[in-house]
């Protein structure tokens, strides 16, 4: 049996490439930038592409792949996949929605706890022999208000974890959901949500609709006792405005797994003690990666069988 050709544009561990190799003829060409030259003779045979939101798949690349049928983002984000080009070439699109939701929520919660309770600076102080009496006193984490921008799979997992700390939940989506607990409070704007919240959690996907959604106005609405968390896309937060708000203590702190200009570190934030950073690893765990690969294979098999896709875009 001739296996369909799959072009993988992102780094993957050997064991995952081996799993994919049982279903596809795999061409692995990871790189952050779009290709101007294509993939040689393989271009004419590639039927599937596996990428992610940051790497994407660009207009000129769609044009080089005449046999392409299905392109997939391994994670939730798909902001750099040219959806107009996909439609023009008749290519179906899927993502990994839900496969890493628990992992991202776990990681984001850890970052938020670290920011609110000063964990990174306390760790550094302890290693230098500084005792507690010389250190500032952090606030309680529990009993506060959490505003979630994007109450999807990840945002919902955040809400469940927050309720275990006695935290009230508010959210902003394009429209109110009718399948969430009645005590979740819906807000008509991100500004209103930020004014209400102690913790503002951003899980929104990237793209023009969410570009700099969190700006100086929203940060001022969050206020000097508020904390920002971003586990969605770096482009959702105006980095310069955030750096200024953190320096001026117009917000209390921030916890970021994503930031503008990735993979370069966010230079404007590096020297600030009231921000906790991690290098876009929130979705990474053996369990999450395995689930994402499984979901992609299932979507591909469904496409080949003419069945409905599980996570179409």
C-alpha atoms as a PDB file:
ATOM      1  CA  UNK A   1       0.000   0.000   0.000  1.00  0.00           C
ATOM      2  CA  UNK A   2       1.301   3.449  -0.914  1.00  0.00           C
ATOM      3  CA  UNK A   3       1.097   5.764   2.076  1.00  0.00           C
ATOM      4  CA  UNK A   4      -0.080   9.361   1.555  1.00  0.00           C
ATOM      5  CA  UNK A   5       2.653  11.982   1.824  1.00  0.00           C
ATOM      6  CA  UNK A   6       2.723  14.184   4.915  1.00  0.00           C
ATOM      7  CA  UNK A   7       4.861  17.318   5.185  1.00  0.00           C
ATOM      8  CA  UNK A   8       5.750  18.138   8.813  1.00  0.00           C
ATOM      9  CA  UNK A   9       6.878  21.752   9.206  1.00  0.00           C
ATOM     10  CA  UNK A  10       7.512  21.775  12.961  1.00  0.00           C
ATOM     11  CA  UNK A  11      10.037  20.057  15.222  1.00  0.00           C
ATOM     12  CA  UNK A  12       8.774  16.683  16.472  1.00  0.00           C
ATOM     13  CA  UNK A  13      10.411  14.058  18.634  1.00  0.00           C
ATOM     14  CA  UNK A  14      11.574  10.890  16.854  1.00  0.00           C
ATOM     15  CA  UNK A  15       8.911   8.768  18.538  1.00  0.00           C
ATOM     16  CA  UNK A  16       6.151  10.964  17.132  1.00  0.00           C
ATOM     17  CA  UNK A  17       7.659  10.930  13.666  1.00  0.00           C
ATOM     18  CA  UNK A  18       7.769   7.146  13.955  1.00  0.00           C
ATOM     19  CA  UNK A  19       4.085   7.050  14.894  1.00  0.00           C
ATOM     20  CA  UNK A  20       3.209   9.225  11.924  1.00  0.00           C
ATOM     21  CA  UNK A  21       5.363   7.030   9.708  1.00  0.00           C
ATOM     22  CA  UNK A  22       2.960   4.139  10.289  1.00  0.00           C
ATOM     23  CA  UNK A  23       0.247   6.145   8.511  1.00  0.00           C
ATOM     24  CA  UNK A  24       2.106   8.466   6.133  1.00  0.00           C
ATOM     25  CA  UNK A  25       5.198   8.893   4.039  1.00  0.00           C
ATOM     26  CA  UNK A  26       6.704  11.621   6.238  1.00  0.00           C
ATOM     27  CA  UNK A  27       8.759  14.549   4.940  1.00  0.00           C
ATOM     28  CA  UNK A  28      10.152  16.383   7.971  1.00  0.00           C
ATOM     29  CA  UNK A  29      11.342  19.919   7.257  1.00  0.00           C
ATOM     30  CA  UNK A  30      10.999  22.011  10.424  1.00  0.00           C
ATOM     31  CA  UNK A  31      11.716  25.707  10.269  1.00  0.00           C
ATOM     32  CA  UNK A  32      10.274  28.930  11.585  1.00  0.00           C
ATOM     33  CA  UNK A  33      10.156  30.794   8.256  1.00  0.00           C
ATOM     34  CA  UNK A  34       7.974  30.027   5.229  1.00  0.00           C
ATOM     35  CA  UNK A  35       9.665  28.299   2.308  1.00  0.00           C
ATOM     36  CA  UNK A  36      10.272  30.291  -0.874  1.00  0.00           C
ATOM     37  CA  UNK A  37      11.474  27.274  -2.808  1.00  0.00           C
ATOM     38  CA  UNK A  38       9.121  24.482  -1.798  1.00  0.00           C
ATOM     39  CA  UNK A  39      10.156  20.881  -1.214  1.00  0.00           C
ATOM     40  CA  UNK A  40      11.416  19.756  -4.585  1.00  0.00           C
ATOM     41  CA  UNK A  41       9.869  16.737  -6.256  1.00  0.00           C
ATOM     42  CA  UNK A  42       7.813  16.032  -3.114  1.00  0.00           C
ATOM     43  CA  UNK A  43       5.631  19.094  -3.802  1.00  0.00           C
ATOM     44  CA  UNK A  44       3.596  17.205  -6.382  1.00  0.00           C
ATOM     45  CA  UNK A  45       2.716  14.377  -3.981  1.00  0.00           C
ATOM     46  CA  UNK A  46       2.087  16.010  -0.587  1.00  0.00           C
ATOM     47  CA  UNK A  47      -1.520  15.496   0.526  1.00  0.00           C
ATOM     48  CA  UNK A  48      -1.233  16.478   4.204  1.00  0.00           C
ATOM     49  CA  UNK A  49       0.641  19.193   6.122  1.00  0.00           C
ATOM     50  CA  UNK A  50       1.229  19.317   9.868  1.00  0.00           C
ATOM     51  CA  UNK A  51       2.250  22.707  11.246  1.00  0.00           C
ATOM     52  CA  UNK A  52       1.352  24.972  14.175  1.00  0.00           C
ATOM     53  CA  UNK A  53      -0.033  28.448  14.713  1.00  0.00           C
ATOM     54  CA  UNK A  54       3.322  30.214  14.768  1.00  0.00           C
ATOM     55  CA  UNK A  55       4.869  28.465  11.733  1.00  0.00           C
ATOM     56  CA  UNK A  56       1.616  28.340   9.799  1.00  0.00           C
ATOM     57  CA  UNK A  57       1.264  27.670   6.100  1.00  0.00           C
ATOM     58  CA  UNK A  58       1.518  30.625   3.764  1.00  0.00           C
ATOM     59  CA  UNK A  59      -0.084  31.662   0.483  1.00  0.00           C
ATOM     60  CA  UNK A  60       2.937  30.867  -1.664  1.00  0.00           C
ATOM     61  CA  UNK A  61       3.282  27.478   0.005  1.00  0.00           C
ATOM     62  CA  UNK A  62      -0.303  26.503  -0.784  1.00  0.00           C
ATOM     63  CA  UNK A  63       0.443  27.346  -4.409  1.00  0.00           C
ATOM     64  CA  UNK A  64       3.400  24.937  -4.429  1.00  0.00           C
ATOM     65  CA  UNK A  65       1.331  22.002  -3.150  1.00  0.00           C
ATOM     66  CA  UNK A  66      -1.200  21.111  -5.871  1.00  0.00           C
ATOM     67  CA  UNK A  67      -2.218  17.808  -4.249  1.00  0.00           C
ATOM     68  CA  UNK A  68      -2.686  19.176  -0.748  1.00  0.00           C
ATOM     69  CA  UNK A  69      -6.002  18.115   0.800  1.00  0.00           C
ATOM     70  CA  UNK A  70      -5.719  18.749   4.547  1.00  0.00           C
ATOM     71  CA  UNK A  71      -3.536  21.080   6.624  1.00  0.00           C
ATOM     72  CA  UNK A  72      -3.446  20.806  10.406  1.00  0.00           C
ATOM     73  CA  UNK A  73      -2.220  22.960  13.262  1.00  0.00           C
ATOM     74  CA  UNK A  74      -0.939  20.624  15.946  1.00  0.00           C
ATOM     75  CA  UNK A  75      -2.103  22.957  18.730  1.00  0.00           C
ATOM     76  CA  UNK A  76      -5.069  25.276  19.047  1.00  0.00           C
ATOM     77  CA  UNK A  77      -3.532  28.333  17.375  1.00  0.00           C
ATOM     78  CA  UNK A  78      -3.752  28.729  13.604  1.00  0.00           C
ATOM     79  CA  UNK A  79      -3.064  32.432  13.111  1.00  0.00           C
ATOM     80  CA  UNK A  80      -0.289  31.983  10.516  1.00  0.00           C
ATOM     81  CA  UNK A  81      -2.218  29.561   8.316  1.00  0.00           C
ATOM     82  CA  UNK A  82      -3.558  31.514   5.345  1.00  0.00           C
ATOM     83  CA  UNK A  83      -7.206  30.518   5.489  1.00  0.00           C
ATOM     84  CA  UNK A  84      -8.117  32.417   2.317  1.00  0.00           C
ATOM     85  CA  UNK A  85      -5.421  30.552   0.400  1.00  0.00           C
ATOM     86  CA  UNK A  86      -6.646  27.267   1.872  1.00  0.00           C
ATOM     87  CA  UNK A  87     -10.176  27.987   0.701  1.00  0.00           C
ATOM     88  CA  UNK A  88      -8.970  29.053  -2.733  1.00  0.00           C
ATOM     89  CA  UNK A  89      -7.081  25.762  -3.143  1.00  0.00           C
ATOM     90  CA  UNK A  90      -9.867  23.627  -1.675  1.00  0.00           C
ATOM     91  CA  UNK A  91      -7.761  22.575   1.325  1.00  0.00           C
ATOM     92  CA  UNK A  92      -9.510  21.563   4.532  1.00  0.00           C
ATOM     93  CA  UNK A  93      -8.121  22.843   7.839  1.00  0.00           C
ATOM     94  CA  UNK A  94      -8.118  21.333  11.335  1.00  0.00           C
ATOM     95  CA  UNK A  95      -6.416  22.095  14.612  1.00  0.00           C
ATOM     96  CA  UNK A  96      -5.636  20.352  17.888  1.00  0.00           C
ATOM     97  CA  UNK A  97      -8.431  21.939  19.895  1.00  0.00           C
ATOM     98  CA  UNK A  98      -8.782  20.381  23.329  1.00  0.00           C
ATOM     99  CA  UNK A  99      -5.756  18.091  23.103  1.00  0.00           C
ATOM    100  CA  UNK A 100      -3.575  20.276  25.314  1.00  0.00           C
ATOM    101  CA  UNK A 101      -6.184  22.187  27.318  1.00  0.00           C
ATOM    102  CA  UNK A 102      -5.392  20.605  30.683  1.00  0.00           C
ATOM    103  CA  UNK A 103      -1.654  21.047  30.189  1.00  0.00           C
ATOM    104  CA  UNK A 104      -1.958  24.742  29.289  1.00  0.00           C
ATOM    105  CA  UNK A 105      -4.293  25.402  32.207  1.00  0.00           C
ATOM    106  CA  UNK A 106      -1.943  23.595  34.616  1.00  0.00           C
ATOM    107  CA  UNK A 107       1.030  25.616  33.416  1.00  0.00           C
ATOM    108  CA  UNK A 108      -0.789  28.936  33.343  1.00  0.00           C
ATOM    109  CA  UNK A 109      -2.065  28.374  36.851  1.00  0.00           C
ATOM    110  CA  UNK A 110       1.457  27.612  38.038  1.00  0.00           C
ATOM    111  CA  UNK A 111       2.710  30.860  36.472  1.00  0.00           C
ATOM    112  CA  UNK A 112      -0.095  32.854  38.090  1.00  0.00           C
ATOM    113  CA  UNK A 113       0.499  31.336  41.509  1.00  0.00           C
ATOM    114  CA  UNK A 114       4.206  32.068  41.125  1.00  0.00           C
ATOM    115  CA  UNK A 115       3.526  35.690  40.240  1.00  0.00           C
ATOM    116  CA  UNK A 116       1.005  36.369  43.001  1.00  0.00           C
ATOM    117  CA  UNK A 117       3.028  34.621  45.721  1.00  0.00           C
ATOM    118  CA  UNK A 118       6.433  35.976  44.517  1.00  0.00           C
ATOM    119  CA  UNK A 119       7.783  32.449  44.073  1.00  0.00           C
ATOM    120  CA  UNK A 120      10.627  33.240  41.627  1.00  0.00           C
ATOM    121  CA  UNK A 121      11.982  36.158  43.694  1.00  0.00           C
ATOM    122  CA  UNK A 122      11.608  34.214  46.948  1.00  0.00           C
ATOM    123  CA  UNK A 123      13.507  31.318  45.405  1.00  0.00           C
ATOM    124  CA  UNK A 124      16.316  33.658  44.347  1.00  0.00           C
ATOM    125  CA  UNK A 125      16.393  35.293  47.790  1.00  0.00           C
ATOM    126  CA  UNK A 126      16.482  31.971  49.611  1.00  0.00           C
ATOM    127  CA  UNK A 127      19.449  30.843  47.519  1.00  0.00           C
ATOM    128  CA  UNK A 128      21.268  34.029  48.598  1.00  0.00           C
ATOM    129  CA  UNK A 129      20.524  33.423  52.283  1.00  0.00           C
ATOM    130  CA  UNK A 130      17.915  36.182  52.607  1.00  0.00           C
ATOM    131  CA  UNK A 131      15.390  35.485  55.379  1.00  0.00           C
ATOM    132  CA  UNK A 132      11.671  36.277  55.205  1.00  0.00           C
ATOM    133  CA  UNK A 133      11.808  39.354  57.471  1.00  0.00           C
ATOM    134  CA  UNK A 134      13.720  41.236  54.766  1.00  0.00           C
ATOM    135  CA  UNK A 135      11.222  40.331  52.033  1.00  0.00           C
ATOM    136  CA  UNK A 136       7.842  41.772  50.982  1.00  0.00           C
ATOM    137  CA  UNK A 137       4.636  39.996  51.972  1.00  0.00           C
ATOM    138  CA  UNK A 138       2.606  38.623  49.049  1.00  0.00           C
ATOM    139  CA  UNK A 139      -1.209  38.670  49.022  1.00  0.00           C
ATOM    140  CA  UNK A 140      -3.489  35.674  49.391  1.00  0.00           C
ATOM    141  CA  UNK A 141      -4.146  33.879  46.131  1.00  0.00           C
ATOM    142  CA  UNK A 142      -7.579  32.493  47.008  1.00  0.00           C
ATOM    143  CA  UNK A 143     -10.902  34.259  47.369  1.00  0.00           C
ATOM    144  CA  UNK A 144     -10.385  36.638  44.438  1.00  0.00           C
ATOM    145  CA  UNK A 145     -11.978  37.235  41.015  1.00  0.00           C
ATOM    146  CA  UNK A 146     -10.738  35.724  37.765  1.00  0.00           C
ATOM    147  CA  UNK A 147     -11.704  37.192  34.415  1.00  0.00           C
ATOM    148  CA  UNK A 148     -11.125  34.892  31.448  1.00  0.00           C
ATOM    149  CA  UNK A 149     -10.796  36.299  27.943  1.00  0.00           C
ATOM    150  CA  UNK A 150     -11.810  33.335  25.802  1.00  0.00           C
ATOM    151  CA  UNK A 151     -13.807  30.744  27.730  1.00  0.00           C
ATOM    152  CA  UNK A 152     -13.057  27.849  25.400  1.00  0.00           C
ATOM    153  CA  UNK A 153     -11.438  24.527  26.250  1.00  0.00           C
ATOM    154  CA  UNK A 154      -8.430  26.100  27.983  1.00  0.00           C
ATOM    155  CA  UNK A 155     -10.366  28.925  29.622  1.00  0.00           C
ATOM    156  CA  UNK A 156     -12.901  26.450  30.993  1.00  0.00           C
ATOM    157  CA  UNK A 157     -10.099  24.386  32.547  1.00  0.00           C
ATOM    158  CA  UNK A 158      -8.770  27.561  34.185  1.00  0.00           C
ATOM    159  CA  UNK A 159     -12.214  28.227  35.631  1.00  0.00           C
ATOM    160  CA  UNK A 160     -12.488  24.741  37.140  1.00  0.00           C
ATOM    161  CA  UNK A 161      -9.072  25.098  38.791  1.00  0.00           C
ATOM    162  CA  UNK A 162      -9.899  28.582  40.068  1.00  0.00           C
ATOM    163  CA  UNK A 163     -13.106  27.442  41.720  1.00  0.00           C
ATOM    164  CA  UNK A 164     -11.023  25.107  43.873  1.00  0.00           C
ATOM    165  CA  UNK A 165      -9.447  28.248  45.346  1.00  0.00           C
ATOM    166  CA  UNK A 166     -12.800  29.886  46.028  1.00  0.00           C
ATOM    167  CA  UNK A 167     -12.335  32.304  43.125  1.00  0.00           C
ATOM    168  CA  UNK A 168     -15.300  33.924  41.365  1.00  0.00           C
ATOM    169  CA  UNK A 169     -15.390  33.507  37.578  1.00  0.00           C
ATOM    170  CA  UNK A 170     -16.189  36.077  34.905  1.00  0.00           C
ATOM    171  CA  UNK A 171     -15.557  35.816  31.191  1.00  0.00           C
ATOM    172  CA  UNK A 172     -15.652  37.567  27.839  1.00  0.00           C
ATOM    173  CA  UNK A 173     -16.498  35.706  24.622  1.00  0.00           C
ATOM    174  CA  UNK A 174     -18.095  36.927  21.421  1.00  0.00           C
ATOM    175  CA  UNK A 175     -21.374  35.887  23.016  1.00  0.00           C
ATOM    176  CA  UNK A 176     -22.495  34.437  26.342  1.00  0.00           C
ATOM    177  CA  UNK A 177     -22.386  30.661  26.655  1.00  0.00           C
ATOM    178  CA  UNK A 178     -25.460  28.750  27.754  1.00  0.00           C
ATOM    179  CA  UNK A 179     -23.542  25.618  28.738  1.00  0.00           C
ATOM    180  CA  UNK A 180     -21.512  27.000  31.657  1.00  0.00           C
ATOM    181  CA  UNK A 181     -22.436  27.257  35.348  1.00  0.00           C
ATOM    182  CA  UNK A 182     -24.991  29.962  36.056  1.00  0.00           C
ATOM    183  CA  UNK A 183     -22.686  31.703  38.523  1.00  0.00           C
ATOM    184  CA  UNK A 184     -20.133  32.436  35.770  1.00  0.00           C
ATOM    185  CA  UNK A 185     -20.582  36.125  35.012  1.00  0.00           C
ATOM    186  CA  UNK A 186     -20.570  37.290  31.383  1.00  0.00           C
ATOM    187  CA  UNK A 187     -19.129  40.703  30.483  1.00  0.00           C
ATOM    188  CA  UNK A 188     -19.876  42.737  27.375  1.00  0.00           C
ATOM    189  CA  UNK A 189     -16.327  44.031  26.976  1.00  0.00           C
ATOM    190  CA  UNK A 190     -12.778  43.151  27.962  1.00  0.00           C
ATOM    191  CA  UNK A 191     -12.492  46.514  29.719  1.00  0.00           C
ATOM    192  CA  UNK A 192     -15.484  45.794  31.958  1.00  0.00           C
ATOM    193  CA  UNK A 193     -14.058  42.351  32.711  1.00  0.00           C
ATOM    194  CA  UNK A 194     -10.656  43.824  33.596  1.00  0.00           C
ATOM    195  CA  UNK A 195     -12.228  46.402  35.929  1.00  0.00           C
ATOM    196  CA  UNK A 196     -13.995  43.592  37.797  1.00  0.00           C
ATOM    197  CA  UNK A 197     -11.163  41.060  37.902  1.00  0.00           C
ATOM    198  CA  UNK A 198      -8.153  40.558  40.151  1.00  0.00           C
ATOM    199  CA  UNK A 199      -6.664  38.075  37.678  1.00  0.00           C
ATOM    200  CA  UNK A 200      -7.147  38.616  33.946  1.00  0.00           C
ATOM    201  CA  UNK A 201      -6.423  35.409  32.001  1.00  0.00           C
ATOM    202  CA  UNK A 202      -6.006  35.633  28.219  1.00  0.00           C
ATOM    203  CA  UNK A 203      -6.523  32.411  26.266  1.00  0.00           C
ATOM    204  CA  UNK A 204      -7.723  34.034  23.027  1.00  0.00           C
ATOM    205  CA  UNK A 205      -6.227  32.759  19.747  1.00  0.00           C
ATOM    206  CA  UNK A 206      -3.978  34.977  17.659  1.00  0.00           C
ATOM    207  CA  UNK A 207      -4.866  36.893  14.520  1.00  0.00           C
ATOM    208  CA  UNK A 208      -5.995  40.422  13.626  1.00  0.00           C
ATOM    209  CA  UNK A 209      -9.114  40.268  15.800  1.00  0.00           C
ATOM    210  CA  UNK A 210      -7.080  39.840  18.985  1.00  0.00           C
ATOM    211  CA  UNK A 211      -3.982  41.894  18.103  1.00  0.00           C
ATOM    212  CA  UNK A 212      -3.098  44.059  21.134  1.00  0.00           C
ATOM    213  CA  UNK A 213      -6.443  43.225  22.677  1.00  0.00           C
ATOM    214  CA  UNK A 214      -4.707  43.885  25.997  1.00  0.00           C
ATOM    215  CA  UNK A 215      -3.404  47.441  25.786  1.00  0.00           C
ATOM    216  CA  UNK A 216      -2.724  50.321  28.167  1.00  0.00           C
ATOM    217  CA  UNK A 217      -6.440  51.011  28.613  1.00  0.00           C
ATOM    218  CA  UNK A 218      -7.174  47.423  29.658  1.00  0.00           C
ATOM    219  CA  UNK A 219      -4.151  47.274  31.957  1.00  0.00           C
ATOM    220  CA  UNK A 220      -5.245  50.477  33.689  1.00  0.00           C
ATOM    221  CA  UNK A 221      -8.699  48.977  34.105  1.00  0.00           C
ATOM    222  CA  UNK A 222      -7.115  45.901  35.728  1.00  0.00           C
ATOM    223  CA  UNK A 223      -5.438  48.215  38.207  1.00  0.00           C
ATOM    224  CA  UNK A 224      -2.574  48.201  40.709  1.00  0.00           C
ATOM    225  CA  UNK A 225      -3.663  45.021  42.515  1.00  0.00           C
ATOM    226  CA  UNK A 226      -4.396  43.087  39.318  1.00  0.00           C
ATOM    227  CA  UNK A 227      -2.421  40.350  37.569  1.00  0.00           C
ATOM    228  CA  UNK A 228      -2.331  39.517  33.874  1.00  0.00           C
ATOM    229  CA  UNK A 229      -1.876  35.970  32.546  1.00  0.00           C
ATOM    230  CA  UNK A 230      -1.329  35.227  28.849  1.00  0.00           C
ATOM    231  CA  UNK A 231      -1.318  31.636  27.601  1.00  0.00           C
ATOM    232  CA  UNK A 232      -2.994  32.421  24.260  1.00  0.00           C
ATOM    233  CA  UNK A 233      -0.831  34.281  21.768  1.00  0.00           C
ATOM    234  CA  UNK A 234       1.865  36.885  22.353  1.00  0.00           C
ATOM    235  CA  UNK A 235       0.303  39.257  19.837  1.00  0.00           C
ATOM    236  CA  UNK A 236      -2.755  39.654  22.077  1.00  0.00           C
ATOM    237  CA  UNK A 237      -0.759  41.800  24.529  1.00  0.00           C
ATOM    238  CA  UNK A 238       0.912  45.119  23.736  1.00  0.00           C
ATOM    239  CA  UNK A 239       4.360  44.385  25.170  1.00  0.00           C
ATOM    240  CA  UNK A 240       5.445  48.009  25.423  1.00  0.00           C
ATOM    241  CA  UNK A 241       2.260  48.955  27.268  1.00  0.00           C
ATOM    242  CA  UNK A 242       2.649  45.965  29.596  1.00  0.00           C
ATOM    243  CA  UNK A 243       6.282  46.810  30.389  1.00  0.00           C
ATOM    244  CA  UNK A 244       5.315  50.379  31.239  1.00  0.00           C
ATOM    245  CA  UNK A 245       2.410  49.249  33.431  1.00  0.00           C
ATOM    246  CA  UNK A 246       4.655  46.804  35.298  1.00  0.00           C
ATOM    247  CA  UNK A 247       7.445  49.355  35.803  1.00  0.00           C
ATOM    248  CA  UNK A 248       4.997  51.989  37.057  1.00  0.00           C
ATOM    249  CA  UNK A 249       3.170  49.411  39.235  1.00  0.00           C
ATOM    250  CA  UNK A 250      -0.090  50.265  37.510  1.00  0.00           C
ATOM    251  CA  UNK A 251      -0.682  46.521  37.667  1.00  0.00           C
ATOM    252  CA  UNK A 252       0.730  44.229  40.328  1.00  0.00           C
ATOM    253  CA  UNK A 253       2.260  41.615  38.059  1.00  0.00           C
ATOM    254  CA  UNK A 254       2.066  39.416  34.995  1.00  0.00           C
ATOM    255  CA  UNK A 255       2.595  35.772  34.102  1.00  0.00           C
ATOM    256  CA  UNK A 256       3.338  35.013  30.457  1.00  0.00           C
ATOM    257  CA  UNK A 257       3.961  31.824  28.538  1.00  0.00           C
ATOM    258  CA  UNK A 258       3.679  33.658  25.214  1.00  0.00           C
ATOM    259  CA  UNK A 259       4.965  37.022  24.033  1.00  0.00           C
ATOM    260  CA  UNK A 260       5.538  39.097  20.937  1.00  0.00           C
ATOM    261  CA  UNK A 261       8.593  38.358  18.828  1.00  0.00           C
ATOM    262  CA  UNK A 262       8.932  34.681  19.724  1.00  0.00           C
ATOM    263  CA  UNK A 263      11.295  32.883  19.860  1.00  0.00           C
ATOM    264  CA  UNK A 264      13.396  35.913  20.898  1.00  0.00           C
ATOM    265  CA  UNK A 265      12.905  36.732  24.598  1.00  0.00           C
ATOM    266  CA  UNK A 266      10.805  39.811  25.432  1.00  0.00           C
ATOM    267  CA  UNK A 267      13.637  42.306  26.050  1.00  0.00           C
ATOM    268  CA  UNK A 268      11.372  44.971  27.576  1.00  0.00           C
ATOM    269  CA  UNK A 269      10.250  42.553  30.306  1.00  0.00           C
ATOM    270  CA  UNK A 270      13.467  40.724  31.162  1.00  0.00           C
ATOM    271  CA  UNK A 271      14.645  43.097  33.881  1.00  0.00           C
ATOM    272  CA  UNK A 272      11.293  43.346  35.697  1.00  0.00           C
ATOM    273  CA  UNK A 273      10.796  41.403  38.928  1.00  0.00           C
ATOM    274  CA  UNK A 274       6.985  41.492  38.816  1.00  0.00           C
ATOM    275  CA  UNK A 275       6.650  39.310  35.725  1.00  0.00           C
ATOM    276  CA  UNK A 276       7.059  35.524  35.505  1.00  0.00           C
ATOM    277  CA  UNK A 277       8.057  34.188  32.085  1.00  0.00           C
ATOM    278  CA  UNK A 278       8.268  30.809  30.386  1.00  0.00           C
ATOM    279  CA  UNK A 279       9.226  30.083  26.739  1.00  0.00           C
ATOM    280  CA  UNK A 280       5.870  29.007  25.259  1.00  0.00           C
ATOM    281  CA  UNK A 281       5.953  25.572  26.874  1.00  0.00           C
ATOM    282  CA  UNK A 282       2.469  25.578  28.376  1.00  0.00           C
ATOM    283  CA  UNK A 283       1.124  23.080  25.867  1.00  0.00           C
ATOM    284  CA  UNK A 284       4.076  20.714  26.183  1.00  0.00           C
ATOM    285  CA  UNK A 285       3.865  17.513  28.126  1.00  0.00           C
ATOM    286  CA  UNK A 286       4.132  13.885  27.033  1.00  0.00           C
ATOM    287  CA  UNK A 287       0.396  13.511  27.559  1.00  0.00           C
ATOM    288  CA  UNK A 288      -0.534  16.643  25.593  1.00  0.00           C
ATOM    289  CA  UNK A 289       1.831  15.884  22.713  1.00  0.00           C
ATOM    290  CA  UNK A 290       0.586  12.327  22.458  1.00  0.00           C
ATOM    291  CA  UNK A 291      -3.037  13.498  22.437  1.00  0.00           C
ATOM    292  CA  UNK A 292      -2.316  16.073  19.719  1.00  0.00           C
ATOM    293  CA  UNK A 293      -0.649  13.510  17.441  1.00  0.00           C
ATOM    294  CA  UNK A 294      -3.515  11.066  18.036  1.00  0.00           C
ATOM    295  CA  UNK A 295      -6.056  13.766  17.160  1.00  0.00           C
ATOM    296  CA  UNK A 296      -4.228  14.657  13.947  1.00  0.00           C
ATOM    297  CA  UNK A 297      -4.070  11.016  12.843  1.00  0.00           C
ATOM    298  CA  UNK A 298      -7.777  10.584  13.587  1.00  0.00           C
ATOM    299  CA  UNK A 299      -8.650  13.724  11.599  1.00  0.00           C
ATOM    300  CA  UNK A 300      -6.530  12.526   8.677  1.00  0.00           C
ATOM    301  CA  UNK A 301      -8.099   9.052   8.730  1.00  0.00           C
ATOM    302  CA  UNK A 302     -11.568  10.583   8.838  1.00  0.00           C
ATOM    303  CA  UNK A 303     -10.725  12.769   5.859  1.00  0.00           C
ATOM    304  CA  UNK A 304      -9.507   9.766   3.884  1.00  0.00           C
ATOM    305  CA  UNK A 305     -12.685   7.860   4.780  1.00  0.00           C
ATOM    306  CA  UNK A 306     -14.953  10.755   3.848  1.00  0.00           C
ATOM    307  CA  UNK A 307     -16.140  11.166   7.435  1.00  0.00           C
ATOM    308  CA  UNK A 308     -16.720  14.418   9.364  1.00  0.00           C
ATOM    309  CA  UNK A 309     -13.569  15.970  10.831  1.00  0.00           C
ATOM    310  CA  UNK A 310     -13.302  16.206  14.607  1.00  0.00           C
ATOM    311  CA  UNK A 311     -11.830  19.730  14.861  1.00  0.00           C
ATOM    312  CA  UNK A 312     -12.446  21.619  11.601  1.00  0.00           C
ATOM    313  CA  UNK A 313     -11.592  25.290  11.313  1.00  0.00           C
END
